[in-house]
Amino acid sequence: MSTEHCSTTMDTNKTGAAVKGQKRRSSTDRSINTPQGGGMKTMLDSFRADINKSFVAKRKCLESLTSSALKTSQQKIEELWRCHQKERAQICEDYSSQFSSEFQQWDTDIQKSKDQDKKLMSLFQHLQMMFQQMRASQNQRLKTLKQLVDHYAKSSQELQEAHEDQNTAALNDLRQEIALLQKKILMSAQQEEMASVRKALHSMLM
């Protein structure tokens, strides 16, 4: 039942009640002016019945309006709820997609970081091994150089001693040769002097 219908019904009931009220008042006036007392009770009963009918009509109209308003409100609330659910589902879907993309990128970055860590660790181990090898090689070279220096010093000392011995021996040989040469020269001189003496004696004796 619509609001206009309820208003029309209520106006009709009011008009009827007013007409009936006027009739009742006329009847009441006539009843009062007449000696019959039963007319007053009849008029009151009729007025009571009209009031009850008007109250029932108003109650039915109010119930109809309330039911219609509740139904409309329920429809609006349900529509609003569906709209809210749709919006929530849409925003959840959007953010879920973004979160999923970001988490995938995060996993990719973590995997890349792990790969880089492995490469860096492998490179570090390789460099450490090279450093150890270079250090061992340098230690070996230093050891070899020290051995060479020691050997050189020892060889130089031995060579110097050998040269001194050779020089001493050569000097001794030279001295012996000089002494022998002096002896030979002296003997040759003595022989020449003896020969001169003999020649001189021989010349004198002849």
Protein backbone atom coordinates (compact mmCIF):
# COMPACT_ATOMS: atom_id res chain seq x y z
CA MET A 1 0.00 0.00 0.00
CA SER A 2 1.39 3.42 -1.03
CA THR A 3 1.63 6.62 1.02
CA GLU A 4 -0.87 8.49 -1.20
CA HIS A 5 -3.38 5.69 -0.84
CA CYS A 6 -2.94 5.67 2.92
CA SER A 7 -3.38 9.46 3.02
CA THR A 8 -6.47 9.29 0.84
CA THR A 9 -7.92 6.57 3.02
CA MET A 10 -7.13 8.55 6.15
CA ASP A 11 -8.68 11.74 4.67
CA THR A 12 -11.75 9.77 3.64
CA ASN A 13 -12.00 8.31 7.11
CA LYS A 14 -11.59 11.79 8.62
CA THR A 15 -14.31 13.20 6.36
CA GLY A 16 -16.62 10.31 7.15
CA ALA A 17 -15.86 10.66 10.84
CA ALA A 18 -16.56 14.42 10.67
CA VAL A 19 -19.88 13.86 8.89
CA LYS A 20 -20.79 11.12 11.30
CA GLY A 21 -19.72 13.36 14.18
CA GLN A 22 -21.99 16.10 12.92
CA LYS A 23 -24.82 13.58 12.58
CA ARG A 24 -24.06 12.28 16.06
CA ARG A 25 -24.09 15.79 17.48
CA SER A 26 -27.41 16.44 15.71
CA SER A 27 -28.70 13.14 17.02
CA THR A 28 -27.29 13.91 20.46
CA ASP A 29 -28.94 17.30 20.42
CA ARG A 30 -32.16 15.68 19.35
CA SER A 31 -31.70 12.95 21.94
CA ILE A 32 -31.00 15.47 24.64
CA ASN A 33 -34.02 17.50 23.62
CA THR A 34 -36.09 14.34 23.47
CA PRO A 35 -37.05 12.32 26.45
CA GLN A 36 -35.55 9.10 24.91
CA GLY A 37 -32.24 8.34 26.75
CA GLY A 38 -31.26 5.32 24.60
CA GLY A 39 -30.16 7.52 21.67
CA MET A 40 -27.11 8.73 23.59
CA LYS A 41 -25.76 5.21 24.06
CA THR A 42 -26.29 4.41 20.43
CA MET A 43 -24.45 7.52 19.36
CA LEU A 44 -21.50 6.72 21.68
CA ASP A 45 -21.30 3.15 20.36
CA SER A 46 -21.31 4.41 16.78
CA PHE A 47 -18.58 6.96 17.58
CA ARG A 48 -16.53 4.25 19.29
CA ALA A 49 -16.86 1.98 16.23
CA ASP A 50 -15.77 4.80 13.89
CA ILE A 51 -12.72 5.47 16.06
CA ASN A 52 -11.80 1.77 16.02
CA LYS A 53 -12.16 1.61 12.24
CA SER A 54 -10.00 4.72 11.83
CA PHE A 55 -7.39 3.30 14.22
CA VAL A 56 -7.34 -0.03 12.36
CA ALA A 57 -7.00 1.74 9.01
CA LYS A 58 -4.17 3.91 10.33
CA ARG A 59 -2.46 0.88 11.83
CA LYS A 60 -2.71 -1.02 8.56
CA CYS A 61 -1.39 1.99 6.65
CA LEU A 62 1.50 2.38 9.14
CA GLU A 63 2.28 -1.31 8.88
CA SER A 64 2.26 -1.07 5.09
CA LEU A 65 4.52 1.99 5.15
CA THR A 66 6.86 0.36 7.65
CA SER A 67 7.02 -2.86 5.61
CA SER A 68 7.67 -0.92 2.41
CA ALA A 69 10.33 1.22 4.10
CA LEU A 70 12.01 -1.86 5.62
CA LYS A 71 11.96 -3.65 2.26
CA THR A 72 13.44 -0.61 0.49
CA SER A 73 16.02 -0.14 3.21
CA GLN A 74 16.92 -3.85 3.08
CA GLN A 75 17.34 -3.68 -0.69
CA LYS A 76 19.54 -0.59 -0.39
CA ILE A 77 21.59 -2.19 2.38
CA GLU A 78 22.00 -5.40 0.36
CA GLU A 79 22.98 -3.41 -2.75
CA LEU A 80 25.43 -1.35 -0.69
CA TRP A 81 26.82 -4.54 0.87
CA ARG A 82 27.28 -6.14 -2.57
CA CYS A 83 28.97 -2.97 -3.81
CA HIS A 84 31.29 -2.95 -0.78
CA GLN A 85 32.08 -6.64 -1.24
CA LYS A 86 32.86 -6.05 -4.92
CA GLU A 87 35.13 -3.11 -4.11
CA ARG A 88 36.90 -5.10 -1.38
CA ALA A 89 37.35 -8.05 -3.74
CA GLN A 90 38.72 -5.74 -6.46
CA ILE A 91 41.20 -3.99 -4.16
CA CYS A 92 42.26 -7.35 -2.68
CA GLU A 93 42.81 -8.72 -6.19
CA ASP A 94 44.81 -5.63 -7.23
CA TYR A 95 47.03 -5.63 -4.17
CA SER A 96 47.40 -9.43 -4.28
CA SER A 97 48.67 -9.12 -7.83
CA GLN A 98 51.09 -6.36 -6.84
CA PHE A 99 52.26 -8.26 -3.76
CA SER A 100 52.74 -11.41 -5.83
CA SER A 101 54.81 -9.50 -8.39
CA GLU A 102 56.92 -7.88 -5.69
CA PHE A 103 57.47 -11.20 -3.89
CA GLN A 104 58.51 -12.86 -7.15
CA GLN A 105 60.97 -10.03 -7.81
CA TRP A 106 62.19 -10.35 -4.24
CA ASP A 107 62.78 -14.08 -4.70
CA THR A 108 64.61 -13.35 -7.95
CA ASP A 109 66.80 -10.75 -6.24
CA ILE A 110 67.55 -13.14 -3.37
CA GLN A 111 68.52 -15.88 -5.84
CA LYS A 112 70.76 -13.43 -7.71
CA SER A 113 72.31 -12.38 -4.42
CA LYS A 114 72.98 -16.03 -3.52
CA ASP A 115 74.54 -16.63 -6.94
CA GLN A 116 76.73 -13.53 -6.51
CA ASP A 117 77.71 -14.72 -3.03
CA LYS A 118 78.73 -18.10 -4.45
CA LYS A 119 80.74 -16.43 -7.22
CA LEU A 120 82.42 -14.07 -4.74
CA MET A 121 83.18 -16.97 -2.39
CA SER A 122 84.63 -18.99 -5.25
CA LEU A 123 86.67 -15.98 -6.39
CA PHE A 124 87.86 -15.36 -2.83
CA GLN A 125 88.92 -19.00 -2.45
CA HIS A 126 90.70 -18.85 -5.81
CA LEU A 127 92.49 -15.62 -4.83
CA GLN A 128 93.38 -17.10 -1.45
CA MET A 129 94.83 -20.18 -3.14
CA MET A 130 96.79 -17.99 -5.60
CA PHE A 131 98.07 -15.87 -2.71
CA GLN A 132 99.19 -18.97 -0.85
CA GLN A 133 100.89 -20.31 -3.97
CA MET A 134 102.57 -16.96 -4.61
CA ARG A 135 103.68 -16.76 -1.01
CA ALA A 136 105.07 -20.30 -1.14
CA SER A 137 106.80 -19.48 -4.43
CA GLN A 138 108.28 -16.28 -2.99
CA ASN A 139 109.45 -18.14 0.10
CA GLN A 140 111.05 -20.76 -2.13
CA ARG A 141 112.71 -18.06 -4.24
CA LEU A 142 113.95 -16.30 -1.12
CA LYS A 143 115.31 -19.61 0.15
CA THR A 144 116.97 -20.25 -3.21
CA LEU A 145 118.43 -16.73 -3.27
CA LYS A 146 119.77 -17.19 0.27
CA GLN A 147 121.33 -20.50 -0.75
CA LEU A 148 122.86 -18.82 -3.82
CA VAL A 149 124.23 -15.96 -1.70
CA ASP A 150 125.67 -18.41 0.83
CA HIS A 151 127.14 -20.53 -1.97
CA TYR A 152 128.54 -17.40 -3.63
CA ALA A 153 130.09 -16.21 -0.40
CA LYS A 154 131.56 -19.66 0.27
CA SER A 155 132.82 -20.00 -3.31
CA SER A 156 134.32 -16.50 -3.19
CA GLN A 157 136.07 -17.33 0.09
CA GLU A 158 137.39 -20.61 -1.27
CA LEU A 159 138.46 -18.92 -4.49
CA GLN A 160 140.23 -16.16 -2.57
CA GLU A 161 142.04 -18.73 -0.42
CA ALA A 162 142.95 -20.71 -3.52
CA HIS A 163 144.23 -17.57 -5.24
CA GLU A 164 146.29 -16.67 -2.18
CA ASP A 165 147.74 -20.16 -2.13
CA GLN A 166 148.47 -19.92 -5.87
CA ASN A 167 150.01 -16.49 -5.45
CA THR A 168 152.20 -17.74 -2.60
CA ALA A 169 153.27 -20.78 -4.61
CA ALA A 170 153.94 -18.66 -7.67
CA LEU A 171 155.95 -16.18 -5.58
CA ASN A 172 157.94 -19.01 -4.08
CA ASP A 173 158.58 -20.45 -7.56
CA LEU A 174 159.60 -17.01 -8.79
CA ARG A 175 161.97 -16.60 -5.88
CA GLN A 176 163.49 -20.03 -6.55
CA GLU A 177 163.85 -19.26 -10.22
CA ILE A 178 165.46 -15.88 -9.42
CA ALA A 179 167.84 -17.56 -6.99
CA LEU A 180 168.71 -20.23 -9.53
CA LEU A 181 169.17 -17.62 -12.22
CA GLN A 182 171.41 -15.59 -9.94
CA LYS A 183 173.40 -18.72 -9.25
CA LYS A 184 173.68 -19.50 -12.93
CA ILE A 185 174.72 -15.92 -13.69
CA LEU A 186 177.27 -16.03 -10.91
CA MET A 187 178.66 -19.35 -12.12
CA SER A 188 178.78 -18.09 -15.70
CA ALA A 189 180.61 -14.98 -14.55
CA GLN A 190 183.02 -17.06 -12.54
CA GLN A 191 183.63 -19.32 -15.53
CA GLU A 192 184.24 -16.33 -17.79
CA GLU A 193 186.63 -14.85 -15.23
CA MET A 194 188.43 -18.21 -14.94
CA ALA A 195 188.67 -18.40 -18.70
CA SER A 196 190.07 -14.87 -18.87
CA VAL A 197 192.57 -15.71 -16.15
CA ARG A 198 193.61 -18.85 -17.95
CA LYS A 199 193.95 -16.96 -21.18
CA ALA A 200 195.97 -14.28 -19.51
CA LEU A 201 198.24 -16.87 -17.88
CA HIS A 202 198.57 -18.73 -21.08
CA SER A 203 199.54 -15.52 -22.87
CA MET A 204 202.09 -14.72 -20.22
CA LEU A 205 203.62 -18.15 -20.34
CA MET A 206 203.91 -18.22 -24.00
